[in-house]
Amino acid sequence: MMNIIEIIAAWNAQADYMNKWDSLGEDEKLKWSMQLEREACAKIAEKTICDVHLPTGTKIYGSRVATAIRARGTT
């Protein structure tokens, strides 16, 4: 989990001069923070060796879980 200083640094590292953290609206800050958290979770899921067993008996591997986590931010 990232702290606020890391989140701000990550934004500022990829933003241009006129679009630094302090110029963002609260909704943009929240969206960015959630995106970073989803990506961190997806990276962990990709490295997962264990299968996730669904009630249907289907197995889902880490890469599929990671794809699902990333997709959550696109809807």
PDB file of N, CA and C in Angstrom:
ATOM      1  N   MET A   1       0.845  -1.173   0.000  1.00  0.00           N
ATOM      2  CA  MET A   1       0.000   0.000   0.000  1.00  0.00           C
ATOM      3  C   MET A   1       0.893   1.239   0.000  1.00  0.00           C
ATOM      4  N   MET A   2       0.526   2.201  -0.814  1.00  0.00           N
ATOM      5  CA  MET A   2       1.313   3.426  -0.928  1.00  0.00           C
ATOM      6  C   MET A   2       0.788   4.471   0.058  1.00  0.00           C
ATOM      7  N   ASN A   3       1.695   5.299   0.548  1.00  0.00           N
ATOM      8  CA  ASN A   3       1.249   6.406   1.377  1.00  0.00           C
ATOM      9  C   ASN A   3       1.037   7.636   0.492  1.00  0.00           C
ATOM     10  N   ILE A   4       0.494   8.692   1.040  1.00  0.00           N
ATOM     11  CA  ILE A   4       0.133   9.868   0.254  1.00  0.00           C
ATOM     12  C   ILE A   4       1.350  10.512  -0.417  1.00  0.00           C
ATOM     13  N   ILE A   5       2.483  10.494   0.234  1.00  0.00           N
ATOM     14  CA  ILE A   5       3.692  11.075  -0.350  1.00  0.00           C
ATOM     15  C   ILE A   5       4.102  10.299  -1.604  1.00  0.00           C
ATOM     16  N   GLU A   6       4.016   8.977  -1.550  1.00  0.00           N
ATOM     17  CA  GLU A   6       4.347   8.140  -2.707  1.00  0.00           C
ATOM     18  C   GLU A   6       3.347   8.336  -3.849  1.00  0.00           C
ATOM     19  N   ILE A   7       2.083   8.496  -3.498  1.00  0.00           N
ATOM     20  CA  ILE A   7       1.047   8.713  -4.507  1.00  0.00           C
ATOM     21  C   ILE A   7       1.286  10.035  -5.237  1.00  0.00           C
ATOM     22  N   ILE A   8       1.552  11.082  -4.477  1.00  0.00           N
ATOM     23  CA  ILE A   8       1.816  12.397  -5.071  1.00  0.00           C
ATOM     24  C   ILE A   8       3.065  12.353  -5.943  1.00  0.00           C
ATOM     25  N   ALA A   9       4.113  11.712  -5.457  1.00  0.00           N
ATOM     26  CA  ALA A   9       5.358  11.610  -6.228  1.00  0.00           C
ATOM     27  C   ALA A   9       5.134  10.850  -7.531  1.00  0.00           C
ATOM     28  N   ALA A  10       4.336   9.784  -7.476  1.00  0.00           N
ATOM     29  CA  ALA A  10       4.053   9.009  -8.685  1.00  0.00           C
ATOM     30  C   ALA A  10       3.290   9.853  -9.705  1.00  0.00           C
ATOM     31  N   TRP A  11       2.337  10.653  -9.232  1.00  0.00           N
ATOM     32  CA  TRP A  11       1.599  11.533 -10.149  1.00  0.00           C
ATOM     33  C   TRP A  11       2.536  12.562 -10.766  1.00  0.00           C
ATOM     34  N   ASN A  12       3.270  13.264  -9.917  1.00  0.00           N
ATOM     35  CA  ASN A  12       4.128  14.342 -10.403  1.00  0.00           C
ATOM     36  C   ASN A  12       5.208  13.838 -11.355  1.00  0.00           C
ATOM     37  N   ALA A  13       5.652  12.600 -11.183  1.00  0.00           N
ATOM     38  CA  ALA A  13       6.684  12.034 -12.050  1.00  0.00           C
ATOM     39  C   ALA A  13       6.188  11.865 -13.486  1.00  0.00           C
ATOM     40  N   GLN A  14       4.894  11.661 -13.664  1.00  0.00           N
ATOM     41  CA  GLN A  14       4.373  11.439 -15.011  1.00  0.00           C
ATOM     42  C   GLN A  14       3.600  12.653 -15.561  1.00  0.00           C
ATOM     43  N   ALA A  15       3.418  13.688 -14.734  1.00  0.00           N
ATOM     44  CA  ALA A  15       2.644  14.864 -15.149  1.00  0.00           C
ATOM     45  C   ALA A  15       3.550  15.945 -15.738  1.00  0.00           C
ATOM     46  N   ASP A  16       2.954  16.759 -16.591  1.00  0.00           N
ATOM     47  CA  ASP A  16       3.715  17.904 -17.102  1.00  0.00           C
ATOM     48  C   ASP A  16       3.690  19.032 -16.067  1.00  0.00           C
ATOM     49  N   TYR A  17       4.440  20.081 -16.320  1.00  0.00           N
ATOM     50  CA  TYR A  17       4.619  21.173 -15.358  1.00  0.00           C
ATOM     51  C   TYR A  17       3.289  21.807 -14.939  1.00  0.00           C
ATOM     52  N   MET A  18       2.371  21.963 -15.852  1.00  0.00           N
ATOM     53  CA  MET A  18       1.105  22.638 -15.563  1.00  0.00           C
ATOM     54  C   MET A  18       0.043  21.705 -14.969  1.00  0.00           C
ATOM     55  N   ASN A  19       0.373  20.468 -14.779  1.00  0.00           N
ATOM     56  CA  ASN A  19      -0.613  19.496 -14.317  1.00  0.00           C
ATOM     57  C   ASN A  19      -0.116  18.742 -13.087  1.00  0.00           C
ATOM     58  N   LYS A  20       0.576  19.422 -12.204  1.00  0.00           N
ATOM     59  CA  LYS A  20       1.090  18.783 -10.989  1.00  0.00           C
ATOM     60  C   LYS A  20      -0.047  18.500 -10.014  1.00  0.00           C
ATOM     61  N   TRP A  21       0.229  17.760  -8.988  1.00  0.00           N
ATOM     62  CA  TRP A  21      -0.758  17.277  -8.012  1.00  0.00           C
ATOM     63  C   TRP A  21      -1.647  18.394  -7.469  1.00  0.00           C
ATOM     64  N   ASP A  22      -1.055  19.520  -7.114  1.00  0.00           N
ATOM     65  CA  ASP A  22      -1.827  20.603  -6.497  1.00  0.00           C
ATOM     66  C   ASP A  22      -2.844  21.226  -7.443  1.00  0.00           C
ATOM     67  N   SER A  23      -2.716  20.995  -8.738  1.00  0.00           N
ATOM     68  CA  SER A  23      -3.668  21.562  -9.693  1.00  0.00           C
ATOM     69  C   SER A  23      -4.839  20.617  -9.981  1.00  0.00           C
ATOM     70  N   LEU A  24      -4.795  19.409  -9.424  1.00  0.00           N
ATOM     71  CA  LEU A  24      -5.859  18.428  -9.674  1.00  0.00           C
ATOM     72  C   LEU A  24      -7.068  18.675  -8.777  1.00  0.00           C
ATOM     73  N   GLY A  25      -8.237  18.280  -9.279  1.00  0.00           N
ATOM     74  CA  GLY A  25      -9.434  18.272  -8.459  1.00  0.00           C
ATOM     75  C   GLY A  25      -9.431  17.050  -7.558  1.00  0.00           C
ATOM     76  N   GLU A  26     -10.268  17.060  -6.559  1.00  0.00           N
ATOM     77  CA  GLU A  26     -10.331  15.927  -5.629  1.00  0.00           C
ATOM     78  C   GLU A  26     -10.734  14.642  -6.345  1.00  0.00           C
ATOM     79  N   ASP A  27     -11.616  14.738  -7.338  1.00  0.00           N
ATOM     80  CA  ASP A  27     -12.025  13.544  -8.077  1.00  0.00           C
ATOM     81  C   ASP A  27     -10.854  12.951  -8.856  1.00  0.00           C
ATOM     82  N   GLU A  28     -10.005  13.799  -9.412  1.00  0.00           N
ATOM     83  CA  GLU A  28      -8.835  13.321 -10.152  1.00  0.00           C
ATOM     84  C   GLU A  28      -7.817  12.680  -9.222  1.00  0.00           C
ATOM     85  N   LYS A  29      -7.657  13.256  -8.041  1.00  0.00           N
ATOM     86  CA  LYS A  29      -6.734  12.680  -7.059  1.00  0.00           C
ATOM     87  C   LYS A  29      -7.213  11.303  -6.614  1.00  0.00           C
ATOM     88  N   LEU A  30      -8.500  11.196  -6.376  1.00  0.00           N
ATOM     89  CA  LEU A  30      -9.066   9.914  -5.950  1.00  0.00           C
ATOM     90  C   LEU A  30      -8.938   8.872  -7.055  1.00  0.00           C
ATOM     91  N   LYS A  31      -9.251   9.262  -8.286  1.00  0.00           N
ATOM     92  CA  LYS A  31      -9.157   8.338  -9.417  1.00  0.00           C
ATOM     93  C   LYS A  31      -7.732   7.822  -9.578  1.00  0.00           C
ATOM     94  N   TRP A  32      -6.739   8.708  -9.485  1.00  0.00           N
ATOM     95  CA  TRP A  32      -5.339   8.310  -9.612  1.00  0.00           C
ATOM     96  C   TRP A  32      -4.942   7.353  -8.493  1.00  0.00           C
ATOM     97  N   SER A  33      -5.326   7.680  -7.271  1.00  0.00           N
ATOM     98  CA  SER A  33      -4.981   6.837  -6.122  1.00  0.00           C
ATOM     99  C   SER A  33      -5.574   5.446  -6.269  1.00  0.00           C
ATOM    100  N   MET A  34      -6.817   5.383  -6.702  1.00  0.00           N
ATOM    101  CA  MET A  34      -7.472   4.084  -6.888  1.00  0.00           C
ATOM    102  C   MET A  34      -6.811   3.294  -8.008  1.00  0.00           C
ATOM    103  N   GLN A  35      -6.395   3.974  -9.055  1.00  0.00           N
ATOM    104  CA  GLN A  35      -5.705   3.300 -10.161  1.00  0.00           C
ATOM    105  C   GLN A  35      -4.389   2.686  -9.694  1.00  0.00           C
ATOM    106  N   LEU A  36      -3.646   3.431  -8.894  1.00  0.00           N
ATOM    107  CA  LEU A  36      -2.380   2.903  -8.371  1.00  0.00           C
ATOM    108  C   LEU A  36      -2.616   1.687  -7.484  1.00  0.00           C
ATOM    109  N   GLU A  37      -3.640   1.751  -6.656  1.00  0.00           N
ATOM    110  CA  GLU A  37      -3.940   0.629  -5.760  1.00  0.00           C
ATOM    111  C   GLU A  37      -4.358  -0.609  -6.552  1.00  0.00           C
ATOM    112  N   ARG A  38      -5.202  -0.416  -7.581  1.00  0.00           N
ATOM    113  CA  ARG A  38      -5.609  -1.556  -8.425  1.00  0.00           C
ATOM    114  C   ARG A  38      -4.407  -2.182  -9.108  1.00  0.00           C
ATOM    115  N   GLU A  39      -3.509  -1.346  -9.620  1.00  0.00           N
ATOM    116  CA  GLU A  39      -2.338  -1.876 -10.314  1.00  0.00           C
ATOM    117  C   GLU A  39      -1.439  -2.659  -9.351  1.00  0.00           C
ATOM    118  N   ALA A  40      -1.281  -2.157  -8.134  1.00  0.00           N
ATOM    119  CA  ALA A  40      -0.477  -2.878  -7.142  1.00  0.00           C
ATOM    120  C   ALA A  40      -1.107  -4.237  -6.832  1.00  0.00           C
ATOM    121  N   CYS A  41      -2.426  -4.282  -6.697  1.00  0.00           N
ATOM    122  CA  CYS A  41      -3.118  -5.547  -6.437  1.00  0.00           C
ATOM    123  C   CYS A  41      -2.987  -6.491  -7.625  1.00  0.00           C
ATOM    124  N   ALA A  42      -3.089  -5.950  -8.829  1.00  0.00           N
ATOM    125  CA  ALA A  42      -2.973  -6.778 -10.034  1.00  0.00           C
ATOM    126  C   ALA A  42      -1.588  -7.401 -10.135  1.00  0.00           C
ATOM    127  N   LYS A  43      -0.559  -6.636  -9.792  1.00  0.00           N
ATOM    128  CA  LYS A  43       0.806  -7.173  -9.849  1.00  0.00           C
ATOM    129  C   LYS A  43       0.989  -8.316  -8.858  1.00  0.00           C
ATOM    130  N   ILE A  44       0.379  -8.188  -7.699  1.00  0.00           N
ATOM    131  CA  ILE A  44       0.441  -9.268  -6.710  1.00  0.00           C
ATOM    132  C   ILE A  44      -0.292 -10.492  -7.247  1.00  0.00           C
ATOM    133  N   ALA A  45      -1.458 -10.284  -7.836  1.00  0.00           N
ATOM    134  CA  ALA A  45      -2.253 -11.398  -8.371  1.00  0.00           C
ATOM    135  C   ALA A  45      -1.505 -12.129  -9.478  1.00  0.00           C
ATOM    136  N   GLU A  46      -0.789 -11.387 -10.321  1.00  0.00           N
ATOM    137  CA  GLU A  46      -0.040 -12.013 -11.415  1.00  0.00           C
ATOM    138  C   GLU A  46       1.024 -12.975 -10.914  1.00  0.00           C
ATOM    139  N   LYS A  47       1.554 -12.705  -9.745  1.00  0.00           N
ATOM    140  CA  LYS A  47       2.617 -13.537  -9.185  1.00  0.00           C
ATOM    141  C   LYS A  47       2.067 -14.706  -8.373  1.00  0.00           C
ATOM    142  N   THR A  48       0.760 -14.765  -8.248  1.00  0.00           N
ATOM    143  CA  THR A  48       0.133 -15.792  -7.432  1.00  0.00           C
ATOM    144  C   THR A  48       0.236 -17.150  -8.117  1.00  0.00           C
ATOM    145  N   ILE A  49       0.708 -18.118  -7.388  1.00  0.00           N
ATOM    146  CA  ILE A  49       0.825 -19.482  -7.906  1.00  0.00           C
ATOM    147  C   ILE A  49      -0.465 -20.253  -7.630  1.00  0.00           C
ATOM    148  N   CYS A  50      -1.112 -19.921  -6.525  1.00  0.00           N
ATOM    149  CA  CYS A  50      -2.326 -20.629  -6.135  1.00  0.00           C
ATOM    150  C   CYS A  50      -3.478 -20.301  -7.075  1.00  0.00           C
ATOM    151  N   ASP A  51      -4.389 -21.235  -7.198  1.00  0.00           N
ATOM    152  CA  ASP A  51      -5.603 -21.026  -7.980  1.00  0.00           C
ATOM    153  C   ASP A  51      -6.680 -20.464  -7.063  1.00  0.00           C
ATOM    154  N   VAL A  52      -7.571 -19.700  -7.640  1.00  0.00           N
ATOM    155  CA  VAL A  52      -8.745 -19.234  -6.911  1.00  0.00           C
ATOM    156  C   VAL A  52      -9.880 -20.158  -7.307  1.00  0.00           C
ATOM    157  N   HIS A  53     -10.510 -20.781  -6.349  1.00  0.00           N
ATOM    158  CA  HIS A  53     -11.591 -21.716  -6.639  1.00  0.00           C
ATOM    159  C   HIS A  53     -12.932 -20.999  -6.488  1.00  0.00           C
ATOM    160  N   LEU A  54     -13.687 -20.956  -7.547  1.00  0.00           N
ATOM    161  CA  LEU A  54     -15.006 -20.350  -7.524  1.00  0.00           C
ATOM    162  C   LEU A  54     -16.045 -21.377  -7.101  1.00  0.00           C
ATOM    163  N   PRO A  55     -17.199 -20.914  -6.631  1.00  0.00           N
ATOM    164  CA  PRO A  55     -18.256 -21.866  -6.232  1.00  0.00           C
ATOM    165  C   PRO A  55     -18.655 -22.814  -7.358  1.00  0.00           C
ATOM    166  N   THR A  56     -18.457 -22.406  -8.590  1.00  0.00           N
ATOM    167  CA  THR A  56     -18.805 -23.257  -9.732  1.00  0.00           C
ATOM    168  C   THR A  56     -17.793 -24.367  -9.953  1.00  0.00           C
ATOM    169  N   GLY A  57     -16.685 -24.340  -9.226  1.00  0.00           N
ATOM    170  CA  GLY A  57     -15.642 -25.336  -9.390  1.00  0.00           C
ATOM    171  C   GLY A  57     -14.579 -24.925 -10.396  1.00  0.00           C
ATOM    172  N   THR A  58     -14.752 -23.770 -10.992  1.00  0.00           N
ATOM    173  CA  THR A  58     -13.796 -23.264 -11.985  1.00  0.00           C
ATOM    174  C   THR A  58     -12.557 -22.733 -11.273  1.00  0.00           C
ATOM    175  N   LYS A  59     -11.404 -22.944 -11.886  1.00  0.00           N
ATOM    176  CA  LYS A  59     -10.162 -22.388 -11.360  1.00  0.00           C
ATOM    177  C   LYS A  59      -9.794 -21.155 -12.186  1.00  0.00           C
ATOM    178  N   ILE A  60      -9.362 -20.111 -11.507  1.00  0.00           N
ATOM    179  CA  ILE A  60      -8.898 -18.907 -12.199  1.00  0.00           C
ATOM    180  C   ILE A  60      -7.457 -18.670 -11.757  1.00  0.00           C
ATOM    181  N   TYR A  61      -6.570 -18.518 -12.709  1.00  0.00           N
ATOM    182  CA  TYR A  61      -5.167 -18.304 -12.403  1.00  0.00           C
ATOM    183  C   TYR A  61      -4.885 -16.824 -12.186  1.00  0.00           C
ATOM    184  N   GLY A  62      -3.758 -16.532 -11.560  1.00  0.00           N
ATOM    185  CA  GLY A  62      -3.393 -15.176 -11.183  1.00  0.00           C
ATOM    186  C   GLY A  62      -3.467 -14.160 -12.314  1.00  0.00           C
ATOM    187  N   SER A  63      -3.072 -14.533 -13.512  1.00  0.00           N
ATOM    188  CA  SER A  63      -3.095 -13.584 -14.624  1.00  0.00           C
ATOM    189  C   SER A  63      -4.514 -13.161 -14.970  1.00  0.00           C
ATOM    190  N   ARG A  64      -5.455 -14.081 -14.856  1.00  0.00           N
ATOM    191  CA  ARG A  64      -6.858 -13.732 -15.126  1.00  0.00           C
ATOM    192  C   ARG A  64      -7.418 -12.853 -14.024  1.00  0.00           C
ATOM    193  N   VAL A  65      -7.022 -13.105 -12.793  1.00  0.00           N
ATOM    194  CA  VAL A  65      -7.455 -12.266 -11.681  1.00  0.00           C
ATOM    195  C   VAL A  65      -6.899 -10.852 -11.873  1.00  0.00           C
ATOM    196  N   ALA A  66      -5.641 -10.756 -12.265  1.00  0.00           N
ATOM    197  CA  ALA A  66      -5.020  -9.445 -12.495  1.00  0.00           C
ATOM    198  C   ALA A  66      -5.750  -8.672 -13.579  1.00  0.00           C
ATOM    199  N   THR A  67      -6.143  -9.351 -14.649  1.00  0.00           N
ATOM    200  CA  THR A  67      -6.894  -8.710 -15.731  1.00  0.00           C
ATOM    201  C   THR A  67      -8.226  -8.184 -15.204  1.00  0.00           C
ATOM    202  N   ALA A  68      -8.894  -8.966 -14.378  1.00  0.00           N
ATOM    203  CA  ALA A  68     -10.178  -8.548 -13.812  1.00  0.00           C
ATOM    204  C   ALA A  68     -10.003  -7.341 -12.893  1.00  0.00           C
ATOM    205  N   ILE A  69      -8.939  -7.313 -12.116  1.00  0.00           N
ATOM    206  CA  ILE A  69      -8.687  -6.185 -11.225  1.00  0.00           C
ATOM    207  C   ILE A  69      -8.467  -4.924 -12.042  1.00  0.00           C
ATOM    208  N   ARG A  70      -7.658  -5.020 -13.078  1.00  0.00           N
ATOM    209  CA  ARG A  70      -7.396  -3.848 -13.909  1.00  0.00           C
ATOM    210  C   ARG A  70      -8.663  -3.356 -14.612  1.00  0.00           C
ATOM    211  N   ALA A  71      -9.525  -4.253 -15.005  1.00  0.00           N
ATOM    212  CA  ALA A  71     -10.753  -3.890 -15.712  1.00  0.00           C
ATOM    213  C   ALA A  71     -11.704  -3.103 -14.832  1.00  0.00           C
ATOM    214  N   ARG A  72     -11.611  -3.254 -13.546  1.00  0.00           N
ATOM    215  CA  ARG A  72     -12.526  -2.549 -12.637  1.00  0.00           C
ATOM    216  C   ARG A  72     -12.430  -1.043 -12.804  1.00  0.00           C
ATOM    217  N   GLY A  73     -11.299  -0.523 -13.197  1.00  0.00           N
ATOM    218  CA  GLY A  73     -11.140   0.912 -13.332  1.00  0.00           C
ATOM    219  C   GLY A  73     -11.592   1.465 -14.659  1.00  0.00           C
ATOM    220  N   THR A  74     -12.074   0.610 -15.543  1.00  0.00           N
ATOM    221  CA  THR A  74     -12.452   1.078 -16.875  1.00  0.00           C
ATOM    222  C   THR A  74     -13.949   1.201 -17.051  1.00  0.00           C
ATOM    223  N   THR A  75     -14.711   0.907 -16.009  1.00  0.00           N
ATOM    224  CA  THR A  75     -16.173   0.982 -16.130  1.00  0.00           C
ATOM    225  C   THR A  75     -16.722   2.176 -15.393  1.00  0.00           C
TER     226      THR A  75
END
